[in-house]
PDB file of N, CA and C in Angstrom:
ATOM      1  N   MET A   1      51.951 116.363  65.082  1.00  0.00           N
ATOM      2  CA  MET A   1      52.332 114.905  65.769  1.00  0.00           C
ATOM      3  C   MET A   1      53.717 114.542  65.788  1.00  0.00           C
ATOM      4  N   ASN A   2      54.384 115.033  64.683  1.00  0.00           N
ATOM      5  CA  ASN A   2      55.745 114.819  64.794  1.00  0.00           C
ATOM      6  C   ASN A   2      56.707 115.175  66.011  1.00  0.00           C
ATOM      7  N   ASP A   3      56.296 116.413  66.192  1.00  0.00           N
ATOM      8  CA  ASP A   3      57.036 116.958  67.346  1.00  0.00           C
ATOM      9  C   ASP A   3      56.741 116.129  69.083  1.00  0.00           C
ATOM     10  N   TRP A   4      55.622 115.636  68.706  1.00  0.00           N
ATOM     11  CA  TRP A   4      55.153 114.800  70.065  1.00  0.00           C
ATOM     12  C   TRP A   4      55.978 113.245  69.672  1.00  0.00           C
ATOM     13  N   MET A   5      55.626 112.973  68.353  1.00  0.00           N
ATOM     14  CA  MET A   5      56.381 111.541  68.516  1.00  0.00           C
ATOM     15  C   MET A   5      58.486 111.741  68.996  1.00  0.00           C
ATOM     16  N   ASN A   6      58.793 112.569  68.229  1.00  0.00           N
ATOM     17  CA  ASN A   6      60.250 113.161  68.481  1.00  0.00           C
ATOM     18  C   ASN A   6      60.536 113.917  70.366  1.00  0.00           C
ATOM     19  N   ALA A   7      59.261 114.080  70.866  1.00  0.00           N
ATOM     20  CA  ALA A   7      59.252 114.531  72.690  1.00  0.00           C
ATOM     21  C   ALA A   7      59.824 113.526  73.391  1.00  0.00           C
ATOM     22  N   SER A   8      60.402 114.280  74.034  1.00  0.00           N
ATOM     23  CA  SER A   8      61.167 113.169  75.508  1.00  0.00           C
ATOM     24  C   SER A   8      59.960 112.923  76.016  1.00  0.00           C
ATOM     25  N   THR A   9      59.883 111.682  76.792  1.00  0.00           N
ATOM     26  CA  THR A   9      58.950 110.883  78.072  1.00  0.00           C
ATOM     27  C   THR A   9      58.276 112.526  78.872  1.00  0.00           C
ATOM     28  N   TYR A  10      59.152 112.905  79.068  1.00  0.00           N
ATOM     29  CA  TYR A  10      59.135 114.059  80.156  1.00  0.00           C
ATOM     30  C   TYR A  10      58.562 115.262  79.379  1.00  0.00           C
ATOM     31  N   ASN A  11      58.931 115.949  78.104  1.00  0.00           N
ATOM     32  CA  ASN A  11      57.811 116.667  77.569  1.00  0.00           C
ATOM     33  C   ASN A  11      56.569 116.123  77.408  1.00  0.00           C
ATOM     34  N   LYS A  12      56.246 115.095  76.975  1.00  0.00           N
ATOM     35  CA  LYS A  12      54.891 114.395  76.886  1.00  0.00           C
ATOM     36  C   LYS A  12      53.973 114.241  78.011  1.00  0.00           C
ATOM     37  N   LEU A  13      55.000 114.145  78.854  1.00  0.00           N
ATOM     38  CA  LEU A  13      54.151 113.912  80.370  1.00  0.00           C
ATOM     39  C   LEU A  13      53.769 114.734  80.811  1.00  0.00           C
ATOM     40  N   ALA A  14      54.638 116.489  80.536  1.00  0.00           N
ATOM     41  CA  ALA A  14      54.104 117.817  80.735  1.00  0.00           C
ATOM     42  C   ALA A  14      52.980 118.530  80.072  1.00  0.00           C
ATOM     43  N   THR A  15      53.043 117.910  78.893  1.00  0.00           N
ATOM     44  CA  THR A  15      51.919 118.521  77.711  1.00  0.00           C
ATOM     45  C   THR A  15      50.846 117.560  78.652  1.00  0.00           C
ATOM     46  N   SER A  16      50.965 116.497  78.270  1.00  0.00           N
ATOM     47  CA  SER A  16      49.746 115.724  79.362  1.00  0.00           C
ATOM     48  C   SER A  16      48.977 116.224  80.527  1.00  0.00           C
ATOM     49  N   ALA A  17      50.045 116.626  81.731  1.00  0.00           N
ATOM     50  CA  ALA A  17      49.424 117.329  82.733  1.00  0.00           C
ATOM     51  C   ALA A  17      49.275 118.639  82.395  1.00  0.00           C
ATOM     52  N   ASP A  18      49.243 119.444  81.494  1.00  0.00           N
ATOM     53  CA  ASP A  18      48.978 120.487  81.284  1.00  0.00           C
ATOM     54  C   ASP A  18      47.280 120.426  80.727  1.00  0.00           C
ATOM     55  N   PHE A  19      46.998 119.272  79.771  1.00  0.00           N
ATOM     56  CA  PHE A  19      45.832 119.220  79.395  1.00  0.00           C
ATOM     57  C   PHE A  19      44.756 118.701  80.724  1.00  0.00           C
ATOM     58  N   VAL A  20      45.312 117.626  80.996  1.00  0.00           N
ATOM     59  CA  VAL A  20      44.253 117.061  82.393  1.00  0.00           C
ATOM     60  C   VAL A  20      44.197 118.737  83.211  1.00  0.00           C
ATOM     61  N   ALA A  21      45.056 119.409  83.664  1.00  0.00           N
ATOM     62  CA  ALA A  21      45.005 120.079  84.804  1.00  0.00           C
ATOM     63  C   ALA A  21      44.089 121.264  84.193  1.00  0.00           C
ATOM     64  N   LYS A  22      43.524 121.105  82.700  1.00  0.00           N
ATOM     65  CA  LYS A  22      43.012 122.390  82.638  1.00  0.00           C
ATOM     66  C   LYS A  22      40.929 121.543  82.430  1.00  0.00           C
ATOM     67  N   LEU A  23      41.453 120.949  82.938  1.00  0.00           N
ATOM     68  CA  LEU A  23      39.708 120.016  82.984  1.00  0.00           C
ATOM     69  C   LEU A  23      39.490 121.248  83.560  1.00  0.00           C
ATOM     70  N   PRO A  24      37.753 121.357  84.144  1.00  0.00           N
ATOM     71  CA  PRO A  24      36.953 121.977  84.390  1.00  0.00           C
ATOM     72  C   PRO A  24      36.634 121.882  86.182  1.00  0.00           C
ATOM     73  N   ASN A  25      36.168 120.679  86.095  1.00  0.00           N
ATOM     74  CA  ASN A  25      35.815 120.306  86.811  1.00  0.00           C
ATOM     75  C   ASN A  25      36.730 119.077  87.841  1.00  0.00           C
ATOM     76  N   LEU A  26      38.079 119.299  87.458  1.00  0.00           N
ATOM     77  CA  LEU A  26      39.440 118.660  88.040  1.00  0.00           C
ATOM     78  C   LEU A  26      39.651 119.060  89.622  1.00  0.00           C
ATOM     79  N   LYS A  27      39.397 118.723  90.743  1.00  0.00           N
ATOM     80  CA  LYS A  27      39.941 119.386  91.633  1.00  0.00           C
ATOM     81  C   LYS A  27      41.387 118.630  92.106  1.00  0.00           C
ATOM     82  N   TYR A  28      42.406 119.232  92.099  1.00  0.00           N
ATOM     83  CA  TYR A  28      43.775 118.731  92.385  1.00  0.00           C
ATOM     84  C   TYR A  28      44.383 119.619  93.479  1.00  0.00           C
ATOM     85  N   SER A  29      45.153 118.892  94.336  1.00  0.00           N
ATOM     86  CA  SER A  29      46.025 119.689  95.176  1.00  0.00           C
ATOM     87  C   SER A  29      47.398 119.997  94.773  1.00  0.00           C
ATOM     88  N   ASN A  30      48.206 119.037  94.092  1.00  0.00           N
ATOM     89  CA  ASN A  30      49.201 119.150  93.486  1.00  0.00           C
ATOM     90  C   ASN A  30      49.641 118.314  92.089  1.00  0.00           C
ATOM     91  N   ILE A  31      50.689 118.907  91.838  1.00  0.00           N
ATOM     92  CA  ILE A  31      50.711 118.544  90.110  1.00  0.00           C
ATOM     93  C   ILE A  31      50.877 116.710  90.557  1.00  0.00           C
ATOM     94  N   ASP A  32      51.160 116.244  91.411  1.00  0.00           N
ATOM     95  CA  ASP A  32      51.816 114.936  91.714  1.00  0.00           C
ATOM     96  C   ASP A  32      50.061 114.110  91.516  1.00  0.00           C
ATOM     97  N   SER A  33      49.370 114.544  91.890  1.00  0.00           N
ATOM     98  CA  SER A  33      47.831 114.235  91.821  1.00  0.00           C
ATOM     99  C   SER A  33      47.127 113.648  90.835  1.00  0.00           C
ATOM    100  N   ILE A  34      47.958 114.489  89.514  1.00  0.00           N
ATOM    101  CA  ILE A  34      47.228 114.320  88.633  1.00  0.00           C
ATOM    102  C   ILE A  34      48.076 113.543  87.172  1.00  0.00           C
ATOM    103  N   LYS A  35      48.975 113.309  88.141  1.00  0.00           N
ATOM    104  CA  LYS A  35      50.576 112.386  87.226  1.00  0.00           C
ATOM    105  C   LYS A  35      49.840 111.283  86.701  1.00  0.00           C
ATOM    106  N   PRO A  36      48.870 110.165  87.379  1.00  0.00           N
ATOM    107  CA  PRO A  36      48.061 109.166  86.775  1.00  0.00           C
ATOM    108  C   PRO A  36      47.515 109.268  85.750  1.00  0.00           C
ATOM    109  N   TYR A  37      46.662 110.435  85.681  1.00  0.00           N
ATOM    110  CA  TYR A  37      45.698 110.745  84.902  1.00  0.00           C
ATOM    111  C   TYR A  37      46.696 111.236  83.329  1.00  0.00           C
ATOM    112  N   ALA A  38      47.646 111.825  83.872  1.00  0.00           N
ATOM    113  CA  ALA A  38      48.557 112.312  82.818  1.00  0.00           C
ATOM    114  C   ALA A  38      49.438 111.292  82.217  1.00  0.00           C
ATOM    115  N   THR A  39      49.698 110.630  82.837  1.00  0.00           N
ATOM    116  CA  THR A  39      50.221 109.497  82.103  1.00  0.00           C
ATOM    117  C   THR A  39      49.442 108.450  81.518  1.00  0.00           C
ATOM    118  N   SER A  40      48.052 108.309  81.627  1.00  0.00           N
ATOM    119  CA  SER A  40      47.000 107.768  80.935  1.00  0.00           C
ATOM    120  C   SER A  40      46.771 108.074  79.719  1.00  0.00           C
ATOM    121  N   LEU A  41      46.861 109.116  79.953  1.00  0.00           N
ATOM    122  CA  LEU A  41      46.644 110.215  78.737  1.00  0.00           C
ATOM    123  C   LEU A  41      47.955 110.340  77.829  1.00  0.00           C
ATOM    124  N   MET A  42      49.054 109.950  78.421  1.00  0.00           N
ATOM    125  CA  MET A  42      50.159 110.260  77.354  1.00  0.00           C
ATOM    126  C   MET A  42      50.062 109.050  76.712  1.00  0.00           C
ATOM    127  N   HIS A  43      50.052 108.039  77.250  1.00  0.00           N
ATOM    128  CA  HIS A  43      50.421 106.733  76.560  1.00  0.00           C
ATOM    129  C   HIS A  43      49.522 106.122  75.631  1.00  0.00           C
ATOM    130  N   CYS A  44      48.041 106.955  75.874  1.00  0.00           N
ATOM    131  CA  CYS A  44      47.091 106.975  74.268  1.00  0.00           C
ATOM    132  C   CYS A  44      47.244 107.955  73.648  1.00  0.00           C
ATOM    133  N   ILE A  45      48.023 109.462  73.779  1.00  0.00           N
ATOM    134  CA  ILE A  45      48.456 109.753  72.531  1.00  0.00           C
ATOM    135  C   ILE A  45      49.369 109.242  71.811  1.00  0.00           C
ATOM    136  N   ASP A  46      49.762 108.889  72.545  1.00  0.00           N
ATOM    137  CA  ASP A  46      51.543 107.215  71.751  1.00  0.00           C
ATOM    138  C   ASP A  46      51.102 106.542  70.908  1.00  0.00           C
ATOM    139  N   LYS A  47      49.600 106.083  71.257  1.00  0.00           N
ATOM    140  CA  LYS A  47      49.191 104.897  70.591  1.00  0.00           C
ATOM    141  C   LYS A  47      48.441 105.614  69.560  1.00  0.00           C
ATOM    142  N   VAL A  48      48.042 106.511  69.505  1.00  0.00           N
ATOM    143  CA  VAL A  48      47.477 107.265  67.965  1.00  0.00           C
ATOM    144  C   VAL A  48      48.117 108.103  67.083  1.00  0.00           C
ATOM    145  N   ASN A  49      48.572 107.743  65.946  1.00  0.00           N
ATOM    146  CA  ASN A  49      49.534 108.332  64.999  1.00  0.00           C
ATOM    147  C   ASN A  49      48.748 108.440  63.662  1.00  0.00           C
ATOM    148  N   LEU A  50      47.593 109.184  63.666  1.00  0.00           N
ATOM    149  CA  LEU A  50      46.556 109.593  62.593  1.00  0.00           C
ATOM    150  C   LEU A  50      47.039 110.520  61.538  1.00  0.00           C
ATOM    151  N   GLY A  51      48.011 111.293  62.033  1.00  0.00           N
ATOM    152  CA  GLY A  51      47.825 112.568  61.182  1.00  0.00           C
ATOM    153  C   GLY A  51      47.375 114.103  61.981  1.00  0.00           C
ATOM    154  N   PHE A  52      46.373 113.357  63.021  1.00  0.00           N
ATOM    155  CA  PHE A  52      45.738 114.498  63.355  1.00  0.00           C
ATOM    156  C   PHE A  52      46.414 115.313  64.542  1.00  0.00           C
ATOM    157  N   LYS A  53      45.860 116.729  64.977  1.00  0.00           N
ATOM    158  CA  LYS A  53      46.896 117.581  66.108  1.00  0.00           C
ATOM    159  C   LYS A  53      46.818 117.059  67.233  1.00  0.00           C
ATOM    160  N   VAL A  54      48.030 116.661  67.938  1.00  0.00           N
ATOM    161  CA  VAL A  54      47.926 116.531  69.260  1.00  0.00           C
ATOM    162  C   VAL A  54      46.848 116.741  70.240  1.00  0.00           C
ATOM    163  N   ALA A  55      46.292 117.825  70.052  1.00  0.00           N
ATOM    164  CA  ALA A  55      45.154 118.559  70.660  1.00  0.00           C
ATOM    165  C   ALA A  55      43.768 118.009  70.370  1.00  0.00           C
ATOM    166  N   GLU A  56      43.817 117.674  69.490  1.00  0.00           N
ATOM    167  CA  GLU A  56      42.563 116.636  69.107  1.00  0.00           C
ATOM    168  C   GLU A  56      42.611 115.116  69.649  1.00  0.00           C
ATOM    169  N   ILE A  57      43.496 114.815  69.576  1.00  0.00           N
ATOM    170  CA  ILE A  57      43.601 113.120  69.849  1.00  0.00           C
ATOM    171  C   ILE A  57      43.904 113.482  70.998  1.00  0.00           C
ATOM    172  N   GLY A  58      44.443 114.301  71.787  1.00  0.00           N
ATOM    173  CA  GLY A  58      44.452 114.477  73.507  1.00  0.00           C
ATOM    174  C   GLY A  58      43.118 114.538  73.957  1.00  0.00           C
ATOM    175  N   ALA A  59      42.081 115.123  73.454  1.00  0.00           N
ATOM    176  CA  ALA A  59      40.811 115.681  73.286  1.00  0.00           C
ATOM    177  C   ALA A  59      39.740 114.327  73.401  1.00  0.00           C
ATOM    178  N   THR A  60      40.472 113.417  72.065  1.00  0.00           N
ATOM    179  CA  THR A  60      39.552 112.183  72.131  1.00  0.00           C
ATOM    180  C   THR A  60      40.036 111.277  73.205  1.00  0.00           C
ATOM    181  N   CYS A  61      41.419 111.317  73.268  1.00  0.00           N
ATOM    182  CA  CYS A  61      41.724 109.873  74.671  1.00  0.00           C
ATOM    183  C   CYS A  61      40.758 110.536  76.069  1.00  0.00           C
ATOM    184  N   MET A  62      40.863 111.969  76.043  1.00  0.00           N
ATOM    185  CA  MET A  62      40.672 112.453  77.695  1.00  0.00           C
ATOM    186  C   MET A  62      39.070 111.826  77.386  1.00  0.00           C
ATOM    187  N   ILE A  63      37.944 111.853  76.676  1.00  0.00           N
ATOM    188  CA  ILE A  63      36.823 111.539  76.638  1.00  0.00           C
ATOM    189  C   ILE A  63      36.763 109.711  76.632  1.00  0.00           C
ATOM    190  N   THR A  64      37.672 109.293  75.807  1.00  0.00           N
ATOM    191  CA  THR A  64      38.134 107.672  75.605  1.00  0.00           C
ATOM    192  C   THR A  64      38.052 106.818  77.246  1.00  0.00           C
ATOM    193  N   LEU A  65      39.395 107.536  77.915  1.00  0.00           N
ATOM    194  CA  LEU A  65      39.513 107.143  79.287  1.00  0.00           C
ATOM    195  C   LEU A  65      38.692 107.845  80.252  1.00  0.00           C
ATOM    196  N   GLY A  66      37.538 108.692  80.029  1.00  0.00           N
ATOM    197  CA  GLY A  66      36.573 108.985  81.157  1.00  0.00           C
ATOM    198  C   GLY A  66      37.449 110.096  81.959  1.00  0.00           C
ATOM    199  N   LEU A  67      38.493 110.950  81.723  1.00  0.00           N
ATOM    200  CA  LEU A  67      38.574 112.078  82.236  1.00  0.00           C
ATOM    201  C   LEU A  67      38.138 113.086  82.223  1.00  0.00           C
ATOM    202  N   ASN A  68      37.040 113.105  81.173  1.00  0.00           N
ATOM    203  CA  ASN A  68      36.253 114.357  81.138  1.00  0.00           C
ATOM    204  C   ASN A  68      35.033 114.764  82.021  1.00  0.00           C
ATOM    205  N   LYS A  69      34.700 112.961  82.864  1.00  0.00           N
ATOM    206  CA  LYS A  69      33.769 113.254  83.828  1.00  0.00           C
ATOM    207  C   LYS A  69      34.362 113.489  85.140  1.00  0.00           C
ATOM    208  N   LEU A  70      35.786 113.806  85.247  1.00  0.00           N
ATOM    209  CA  LEU A  70      36.457 113.841  86.411  1.00  0.00           C
ATOM    210  C   LEU A  70      35.904 115.244  87.372  1.00  0.00           C
TER     211      LEU A  70
END
């Protein structure tokens, strides 16, 4: 989580977009179409700092945001 907290907004958004792009049912035509989802995920991960791995927090945030149902 320390790497995440010290990362630039650009890198956080790119990591979040990677997470979102891997959703099995998500259909997208270009990276810009997933940017709103990635941005929401990035903000969610930013709010959590409980000592968990970023991937674990990201998965929880994706469920909380309903991204797993896209």
